[in-house]
Amino acid sequence: MVQHHRDGHVLTEQELKQCWERMQDYFRAIDDCNVLIIFNEKRGEEHYGTGAMIELGYALARGKQVWLYRQPTDENIRAMDLSMLRFDLI
């Protein structure tokens, strides 16, 4: 049996279902948008949560333009094709 964890807590089947439904809602919203804006900062530092990374990848795969609040310095982000990203929101 595969266990799904979040913050050290093992998710119940109901919680896992709710997470999946929420992610599907986010995907539909991305499908319907023209631009995805990601606020990639937390406590003054560059930050990418798991959900933001999934949304970023999904949006880029769908050919959506993505705007980031901060110019990325994270090497994993910089290794991506950045032609669809904008950083001039500040």
N, C-alpha and C. Protein backbone atom coordinates (compact mmCIF):
# COMPACT_ATOMS: atom_id res chain seq x y z
N MET A 1 0.84 -1.17 0.00
CA MET A 1 0.00 0.00 0.00
C MET A 1 0.89 1.25 0.00
N VAL A 2 0.55 2.19 -0.84
CA VAL A 2 1.28 3.45 -0.91
C VAL A 2 0.65 4.44 0.05
N GLN A 3 1.48 5.08 0.85
CA GLN A 3 0.98 6.10 1.77
C GLN A 3 1.38 7.47 1.24
N HIS A 4 0.46 8.39 1.29
CA HIS A 4 0.71 9.75 0.85
C HIS A 4 0.83 10.62 2.09
N HIS A 5 1.90 11.40 2.14
CA HIS A 5 2.19 12.22 3.31
C HIS A 5 2.11 13.70 2.98
N ARG A 6 1.73 14.49 3.97
CA ARG A 6 1.80 15.95 3.88
C ARG A 6 2.16 16.44 5.27
N ASP A 7 3.30 17.09 5.38
CA ASP A 7 3.77 17.64 6.65
C ASP A 7 3.81 16.57 7.74
N GLY A 8 4.26 15.37 7.39
CA GLY A 8 4.39 14.29 8.37
C GLY A 8 3.10 13.57 8.69
N HIS A 9 2.00 13.99 8.11
CA HIS A 9 0.68 13.39 8.36
C HIS A 9 0.34 12.46 7.19
N VAL A 10 -0.06 11.22 7.49
CA VAL A 10 -0.49 10.30 6.44
C VAL A 10 -1.92 10.68 6.05
N LEU A 11 -2.11 10.95 4.76
CA LEU A 11 -3.42 11.37 4.28
C LEU A 11 -4.40 10.20 4.24
N THR A 12 -5.62 10.48 4.65
CA THR A 12 -6.69 9.48 4.51
C THR A 12 -7.13 9.46 3.05
N GLU A 13 -7.88 8.45 2.67
CA GLU A 13 -8.40 8.37 1.30
C GLU A 13 -9.24 9.61 0.98
N GLN A 14 -10.04 10.08 1.93
CA GLN A 14 -10.88 11.26 1.72
C GLN A 14 -10.01 12.51 1.51
N GLU A 15 -8.97 12.67 2.33
CA GLU A 15 -8.08 13.82 2.17
C GLU A 15 -7.35 13.78 0.83
N LEU A 16 -6.92 12.60 0.44
CA LEU A 16 -6.24 12.44 -0.84
C LEU A 16 -7.18 12.78 -1.99
N LYS A 17 -8.41 12.35 -1.90
CA LYS A 17 -9.42 12.67 -2.92
C LYS A 17 -9.64 14.18 -3.00
N GLN A 18 -9.71 14.85 -1.85
CA GLN A 18 -9.90 16.31 -1.84
C GLN A 18 -8.70 17.01 -2.47
N CYS A 19 -7.49 16.54 -2.19
CA CYS A 19 -6.30 17.13 -2.80
C CYS A 19 -6.33 16.96 -4.32
N TRP A 20 -6.70 15.79 -4.78
CA TRP A 20 -6.77 15.52 -6.21
C TRP A 20 -7.82 16.43 -6.88
N GLU A 21 -8.98 16.57 -6.25
CA GLU A 21 -10.04 17.42 -6.80
C GLU A 21 -9.59 18.88 -6.85
N ARG A 22 -8.91 19.33 -5.81
CA ARG A 22 -8.40 20.70 -5.77
C ARG A 22 -7.39 20.92 -6.90
N MET A 23 -6.51 19.96 -7.12
CA MET A 23 -5.51 20.09 -8.19
C MET A 23 -6.19 20.13 -9.55
N GLN A 24 -7.24 19.33 -9.74
CA GLN A 24 -7.99 19.36 -10.99
C GLN A 24 -8.64 20.74 -11.20
N ASP A 25 -9.13 21.35 -10.11
CA ASP A 25 -9.68 22.71 -10.20
C ASP A 25 -8.60 23.70 -10.65
N TYR A 26 -7.39 23.57 -10.09
CA TYR A 26 -6.29 24.45 -10.48
C TYR A 26 -5.93 24.26 -11.95
N PHE A 27 -5.91 23.01 -12.41
CA PHE A 27 -5.61 22.75 -13.81
C PHE A 27 -6.65 23.38 -14.73
N ARG A 28 -7.92 23.27 -14.35
CA ARG A 28 -8.98 23.89 -15.16
C ARG A 28 -8.82 25.42 -15.19
N ALA A 29 -8.48 26.00 -14.05
CA ALA A 29 -8.28 27.45 -13.99
C ALA A 29 -7.11 27.86 -14.89
N ILE A 30 -6.04 27.08 -14.88
CA ILE A 30 -4.88 27.38 -15.74
C ILE A 30 -5.29 27.25 -17.21
N ASP A 31 -6.08 26.22 -17.53
CA ASP A 31 -6.55 26.05 -18.90
C ASP A 31 -7.34 27.27 -19.37
N ASP A 32 -8.08 27.89 -18.46
CA ASP A 32 -8.95 29.02 -18.79
C ASP A 32 -8.24 30.37 -18.75
N CYS A 33 -7.01 30.43 -18.24
CA CYS A 33 -6.34 31.73 -18.08
C CYS A 33 -5.47 32.05 -19.28
N ASN A 34 -5.11 33.32 -19.38
CA ASN A 34 -4.16 33.78 -20.40
C ASN A 34 -2.74 33.83 -19.84
N VAL A 35 -2.64 34.18 -18.56
CA VAL A 35 -1.34 34.33 -17.90
C VAL A 35 -1.46 33.74 -16.49
N LEU A 36 -0.46 32.97 -16.09
CA LEU A 36 -0.38 32.46 -14.71
C LEU A 36 0.66 33.29 -13.98
N ILE A 37 0.27 33.88 -12.85
CA ILE A 37 1.19 34.66 -12.04
C ILE A 37 1.54 33.85 -10.80
N ILE A 38 2.83 33.63 -10.57
CA ILE A 38 3.29 32.87 -9.41
C ILE A 38 4.06 33.82 -8.49
N PHE A 39 3.61 33.93 -7.26
CA PHE A 39 4.29 34.73 -6.25
C PHE A 39 5.35 33.83 -5.62
N ASN A 40 6.54 33.84 -6.18
CA ASN A 40 7.61 32.91 -5.79
C ASN A 40 8.51 33.50 -4.71
N GLU A 41 7.90 34.02 -3.67
CA GLU A 41 8.65 34.58 -2.55
C GLU A 41 7.97 34.22 -1.24
N LYS A 42 8.79 33.89 -0.25
CA LYS A 42 8.29 33.59 1.09
C LYS A 42 9.29 34.15 2.08
N ARG A 43 8.81 35.02 2.96
CA ARG A 43 9.66 35.66 3.97
C ARG A 43 10.88 36.34 3.35
N GLY A 44 10.65 36.99 2.21
CA GLY A 44 11.72 37.73 1.55
C GLY A 44 12.71 36.90 0.75
N GLU A 45 12.51 35.59 0.69
CA GLU A 45 13.41 34.70 -0.03
C GLU A 45 12.67 34.07 -1.22
N GLU A 46 13.44 33.72 -2.24
CA GLU A 46 12.85 33.00 -3.37
C GLU A 46 12.34 31.65 -2.86
N HIS A 47 11.14 31.28 -3.28
CA HIS A 47 10.52 30.04 -2.79
C HIS A 47 9.58 29.48 -3.84
N TYR A 48 9.63 28.15 -4.00
CA TYR A 48 8.71 27.43 -4.88
C TYR A 48 8.16 26.25 -4.11
N GLY A 49 6.88 26.28 -3.79
CA GLY A 49 6.25 25.13 -3.14
C GLY A 49 5.96 24.05 -4.17
N THR A 50 5.65 22.87 -3.69
CA THR A 50 5.36 21.75 -4.59
C THR A 50 4.21 22.07 -5.53
N GLY A 51 3.14 22.65 -4.98
CA GLY A 51 1.99 22.99 -5.81
C GLY A 51 2.34 24.00 -6.90
N ALA A 52 3.13 25.01 -6.54
CA ALA A 52 3.53 26.02 -7.53
C ALA A 52 4.37 25.40 -8.63
N MET A 53 5.23 24.46 -8.28
CA MET A 53 6.05 23.80 -9.30
C MET A 53 5.19 22.97 -10.25
N ILE A 54 4.20 22.27 -9.69
CA ILE A 54 3.29 21.49 -10.54
C ILE A 54 2.52 22.42 -11.47
N GLU A 55 2.01 23.53 -10.92
CA GLU A 55 1.25 24.48 -11.72
C GLU A 55 2.13 25.14 -12.78
N LEU A 56 3.37 25.46 -12.43
CA LEU A 56 4.30 26.05 -13.37
C LEU A 56 4.54 25.10 -14.55
N GLY A 57 4.85 23.86 -14.25
CA GLY A 57 5.09 22.87 -15.30
C GLY A 57 3.87 22.64 -16.17
N TYR A 58 2.70 22.57 -15.54
CA TYR A 58 1.45 22.37 -16.27
C TYR A 58 1.20 23.54 -17.21
N ALA A 59 1.35 24.77 -16.69
CA ALA A 59 1.10 25.96 -17.50
C ALA A 59 2.06 26.03 -18.69
N LEU A 60 3.33 25.76 -18.46
CA LEU A 60 4.30 25.80 -19.55
C LEU A 60 4.00 24.71 -20.58
N ALA A 61 3.60 23.53 -20.13
CA ALA A 61 3.25 22.45 -21.05
C ALA A 61 2.03 22.82 -21.90
N ARG A 62 1.16 23.65 -21.35
CA ARG A 62 -0.04 24.11 -22.07
C ARG A 62 0.23 25.35 -22.91
N GLY A 63 1.48 25.84 -22.91
CA GLY A 63 1.83 27.00 -23.71
C GLY A 63 1.37 28.32 -23.12
N LYS A 64 1.10 28.34 -21.81
CA LYS A 64 0.65 29.56 -21.14
C LYS A 64 1.86 30.44 -20.80
N GLN A 65 1.63 31.74 -20.81
CA GLN A 65 2.66 32.65 -20.34
C GLN A 65 2.63 32.65 -18.81
N VAL A 66 3.80 32.64 -18.20
CA VAL A 66 3.90 32.62 -16.74
C VAL A 66 4.71 33.83 -16.29
N TRP A 67 4.18 34.53 -15.31
CA TRP A 67 4.89 35.66 -14.71
C TRP A 67 5.29 35.26 -13.30
N LEU A 68 6.55 35.49 -12.97
CA LEU A 68 7.05 35.24 -11.62
C LEU A 68 7.26 36.58 -10.93
N TYR A 69 6.98 36.63 -9.64
CA TYR A 69 7.16 37.85 -8.87
C TYR A 69 8.64 38.24 -8.80
N ARG A 70 9.50 37.23 -8.65
CA ARG A 70 10.95 37.47 -8.56
C ARG A 70 11.65 36.77 -9.73
N GLN A 71 12.73 37.38 -10.19
CA GLN A 71 13.55 36.69 -11.18
C GLN A 71 14.15 35.45 -10.51
N PRO A 72 14.04 34.29 -11.15
CA PRO A 72 14.53 33.07 -10.50
C PRO A 72 16.05 33.00 -10.43
N THR A 73 16.54 32.56 -9.28
CA THR A 73 17.95 32.23 -9.13
C THR A 73 18.11 30.73 -8.89
N ASP A 74 16.99 30.06 -8.57
CA ASP A 74 16.99 28.62 -8.35
C ASP A 74 17.46 27.90 -9.62
N GLU A 75 18.50 27.07 -9.50
CA GLU A 75 19.08 26.44 -10.69
C GLU A 75 18.11 25.49 -11.39
N ASN A 76 17.16 24.89 -10.65
CA ASN A 76 16.18 24.01 -11.29
C ASN A 76 15.23 24.81 -12.18
N ILE A 77 14.86 26.01 -11.74
CA ILE A 77 14.00 26.86 -12.54
C ILE A 77 14.79 27.41 -13.73
N ARG A 78 16.01 27.84 -13.48
CA ARG A 78 16.82 28.43 -14.55
C ARG A 78 17.19 27.40 -15.62
N ALA A 79 17.15 26.12 -15.28
CA ALA A 79 17.45 25.06 -16.25
C ALA A 79 16.30 24.84 -17.23
N MET A 80 15.13 25.40 -16.92
CA MET A 80 13.97 25.25 -17.79
C MET A 80 14.06 26.23 -18.95
N ASP A 81 13.23 25.99 -19.96
CA ASP A 81 13.10 26.96 -21.06
C ASP A 81 12.37 28.17 -20.51
N LEU A 82 13.07 29.26 -20.33
CA LEU A 82 12.51 30.44 -19.69
C LEU A 82 11.87 31.40 -20.68
N SER A 83 11.74 31.01 -21.92
CA SER A 83 11.19 31.93 -22.92
C SER A 83 9.74 32.29 -22.66
N MET A 84 9.01 31.47 -21.91
CA MET A 84 7.61 31.74 -21.60
C MET A 84 7.44 32.47 -20.27
N LEU A 85 8.54 32.79 -19.59
CA LEU A 85 8.46 33.41 -18.26
C LEU A 85 8.75 34.90 -18.33
N ARG A 86 8.09 35.65 -17.47
CA ARG A 86 8.38 37.08 -17.28
C ARG A 86 8.68 37.31 -15.82
N PHE A 87 9.53 38.30 -15.53
CA PHE A 87 9.97 38.53 -14.16
C PHE A 87 9.80 39.97 -13.73
N ASP A 88 9.14 40.79 -14.50
CA ASP A 88 9.13 42.23 -14.24
C ASP A 88 7.87 42.70 -13.51
N LEU A 89 7.43 41.96 -12.52
CA LEU A 89 6.21 42.33 -11.81
C LEU A 89 6.45 43.29 -10.67
N ILE A 90 7.69 43.42 -10.22
CA ILE A 90 7.97 44.27 -9.06
C ILE A 90 7.95 45.72 -9.47
